[in-house]
Amino acid sequence: MCCRKFYDKYGSKKRITKIKLGEYVKSLDEETGEIVSNKVKALLDMGDGRFMN
C-alpha cells in the first residue's frame, strides 16, 4: 500500500488514498515555483501497487 502523504489546504497531512473528489490539496505551481491550493477535479485508480509478471 502506498505510504505517500499529501497536505490538504489546511496544512494537514493526508494519505493519498484518502483524498476525495472536490477537496483542496496543495501542489507546486511549476510556472511560479510556489505552493498553491487546488481543487481535486478527478481521481485515478492506480491499483493496489502490486505488479503482475
N, C-alpha and C. Protein backbone atom coordinates (compact mmCIF):
# COMPACT_ATOMS: atom_id res chain seq x y z
N MET A 1 0.84 -1.19 0.00
CA MET A 1 0.00 0.00 0.00
C MET A 1 0.88 1.25 0.00
N CYS A 2 0.48 2.24 -0.71
CA CYS A 2 1.24 3.47 -0.82
C CYS A 2 1.30 4.20 0.51
N CYS A 3 2.45 4.69 0.86
CA CYS A 3 2.59 5.40 2.13
C CYS A 3 2.79 6.90 1.91
N ARG A 4 2.66 7.37 0.70
CA ARG A 4 2.84 8.79 0.42
C ARG A 4 1.73 9.60 1.05
N LYS A 5 2.11 10.77 1.57
CA LYS A 5 1.13 11.65 2.18
C LYS A 5 1.19 13.01 1.51
N PHE A 6 0.06 13.65 1.45
CA PHE A 6 -0.03 14.98 0.87
C PHE A 6 -0.65 15.90 1.90
N TYR A 7 -0.53 17.19 1.69
CA TYR A 7 -1.08 18.17 2.59
C TYR A 7 -2.39 18.71 2.04
N ASP A 8 -3.41 18.80 2.89
CA ASP A 8 -4.65 19.42 2.44
C ASP A 8 -4.51 20.93 2.53
N LYS A 9 -5.56 21.66 2.22
CA LYS A 9 -5.45 23.13 2.16
C LYS A 9 -5.21 23.76 3.53
N TYR A 10 -5.41 22.99 4.61
CA TYR A 10 -5.17 23.50 5.96
C TYR A 10 -3.78 23.14 6.47
N GLY A 11 -3.01 22.43 5.66
CA GLY A 11 -1.66 22.04 6.05
C GLY A 11 -1.58 20.72 6.78
N SER A 12 -2.70 19.98 6.83
CA SER A 12 -2.71 18.68 7.50
C SER A 12 -2.27 17.59 6.53
N LYS A 13 -1.48 16.65 7.04
CA LYS A 13 -1.06 15.52 6.20
C LYS A 13 -2.22 14.56 6.01
N LYS A 14 -2.31 13.99 4.81
CA LYS A 14 -3.37 13.06 4.49
C LYS A 14 -2.83 12.04 3.50
N ARG A 15 -3.16 10.76 3.71
CA ARG A 15 -2.74 9.72 2.77
C ARG A 15 -3.38 9.99 1.41
N ILE A 16 -2.62 9.74 0.37
CA ILE A 16 -3.13 10.00 -0.98
C ILE A 16 -4.38 9.17 -1.26
N THR A 17 -4.48 7.99 -0.65
CA THR A 17 -5.64 7.14 -0.87
C THR A 17 -6.90 7.67 -0.19
N LYS A 18 -6.76 8.65 0.70
CA LYS A 18 -7.90 9.21 1.43
C LYS A 18 -8.41 10.52 0.82
N ILE A 19 -7.73 11.01 -0.20
CA ILE A 19 -8.14 12.26 -0.84
C ILE A 19 -9.40 12.00 -1.66
N LYS A 20 -10.37 12.92 -1.56
CA LYS A 20 -11.65 12.75 -2.25
C LYS A 20 -11.86 13.85 -3.28
N LEU A 21 -12.70 13.55 -4.25
CA LEU A 21 -13.07 14.50 -5.29
C LEU A 21 -13.68 15.74 -4.66
N GLY A 22 -13.24 16.91 -5.09
CA GLY A 22 -13.79 18.16 -4.58
C GLY A 22 -13.00 18.76 -3.44
N GLU A 23 -12.11 17.99 -2.82
CA GLU A 23 -11.28 18.53 -1.75
C GLU A 23 -10.20 19.42 -2.34
N TYR A 24 -9.60 20.22 -1.49
CA TYR A 24 -8.49 21.07 -1.91
C TYR A 24 -7.20 20.48 -1.37
N VAL A 25 -6.17 20.45 -2.22
CA VAL A 25 -4.85 19.97 -1.82
C VAL A 25 -3.81 20.99 -2.28
N LYS A 26 -2.67 20.96 -1.64
CA LYS A 26 -1.58 21.85 -2.03
C LYS A 26 -0.71 21.17 -3.07
N SER A 27 -0.27 21.95 -4.04
CA SER A 27 0.60 21.42 -5.08
C SER A 27 1.53 22.52 -5.57
N LEU A 28 2.53 22.11 -6.31
CA LEU A 28 3.52 23.05 -6.83
C LEU A 28 3.03 23.66 -8.14
N ASP A 29 3.03 25.00 -8.19
CA ASP A 29 2.78 25.70 -9.46
C ASP A 29 4.13 25.79 -10.15
N GLU A 30 4.31 25.00 -11.20
CA GLU A 30 5.61 24.90 -11.87
C GLU A 30 6.03 26.21 -12.53
N GLU A 31 5.09 27.06 -12.88
CA GLU A 31 5.44 28.33 -13.53
C GLU A 31 6.01 29.33 -12.53
N THR A 32 5.43 29.39 -11.32
CA THR A 32 5.87 30.37 -10.33
C THR A 32 6.80 29.78 -9.28
N GLY A 33 6.79 28.44 -9.13
CA GLY A 33 7.60 27.80 -8.11
C GLY A 33 6.98 27.88 -6.72
N GLU A 34 5.73 28.33 -6.64
CA GLU A 34 5.05 28.49 -5.35
C GLU A 34 4.12 27.30 -5.09
N ILE A 35 3.86 27.06 -3.80
CA ILE A 35 2.89 26.05 -3.39
C ILE A 35 1.52 26.72 -3.35
N VAL A 36 0.54 26.11 -4.02
CA VAL A 36 -0.80 26.69 -4.12
C VAL A 36 -1.85 25.63 -3.78
N SER A 37 -3.05 26.06 -3.38
CA SER A 37 -4.16 25.14 -3.13
C SER A 37 -4.97 24.99 -4.40
N ASN A 38 -5.31 23.75 -4.73
CA ASN A 38 -6.11 23.46 -5.90
C ASN A 38 -7.18 22.44 -5.56
N LYS A 39 -8.33 22.59 -6.20
CA LYS A 39 -9.43 21.65 -6.01
C LYS A 39 -9.18 20.38 -6.81
N VAL A 40 -9.42 19.22 -6.20
CA VAL A 40 -9.27 17.94 -6.88
C VAL A 40 -10.43 17.80 -7.85
N LYS A 41 -10.12 17.70 -9.15
CA LYS A 41 -11.15 17.63 -10.19
C LYS A 41 -11.35 16.22 -10.72
N ALA A 42 -10.40 15.33 -10.50
CA ALA A 42 -10.50 13.95 -10.99
C ALA A 42 -9.60 13.05 -10.15
N LEU A 43 -9.95 11.79 -10.09
CA LEU A 43 -9.17 10.79 -9.37
C LEU A 43 -8.82 9.65 -10.33
N LEU A 44 -7.66 9.05 -10.14
CA LEU A 44 -7.25 7.90 -10.94
C LEU A 44 -7.09 6.70 -10.02
N ASP A 45 -7.59 5.56 -10.45
CA ASP A 45 -7.39 4.32 -9.69
C ASP A 45 -6.11 3.70 -10.22
N MET A 46 -5.07 3.71 -9.40
CA MET A 46 -3.77 3.20 -9.82
C MET A 46 -3.56 1.77 -9.32
N GLY A 47 -4.61 1.11 -8.89
CA GLY A 47 -4.49 -0.26 -8.41
C GLY A 47 -3.95 -0.30 -6.99
N ASP A 48 -3.49 -1.48 -6.58
CA ASP A 48 -3.01 -1.64 -5.22
C ASP A 48 -1.49 -1.60 -5.10
N GLY A 49 -0.79 -1.30 -6.19
CA GLY A 49 0.66 -1.17 -6.14
C GLY A 49 1.41 -2.45 -6.48
N ARG A 50 0.70 -3.56 -6.62
CA ARG A 50 1.37 -4.82 -6.99
C ARG A 50 1.41 -4.93 -8.51
N PHE A 51 2.44 -5.55 -9.00
CA PHE A 51 2.61 -5.71 -10.45
C PHE A 51 2.55 -7.18 -10.81
N MET A 52 1.99 -7.46 -11.96
CA MET A 52 1.93 -8.83 -12.46
C MET A 52 3.08 -9.04 -13.42
N ASN A 53 3.70 -10.22 -13.36
CA ASN A 53 4.80 -10.55 -14.29
C ASN A 53 4.28 -11.27 -15.49
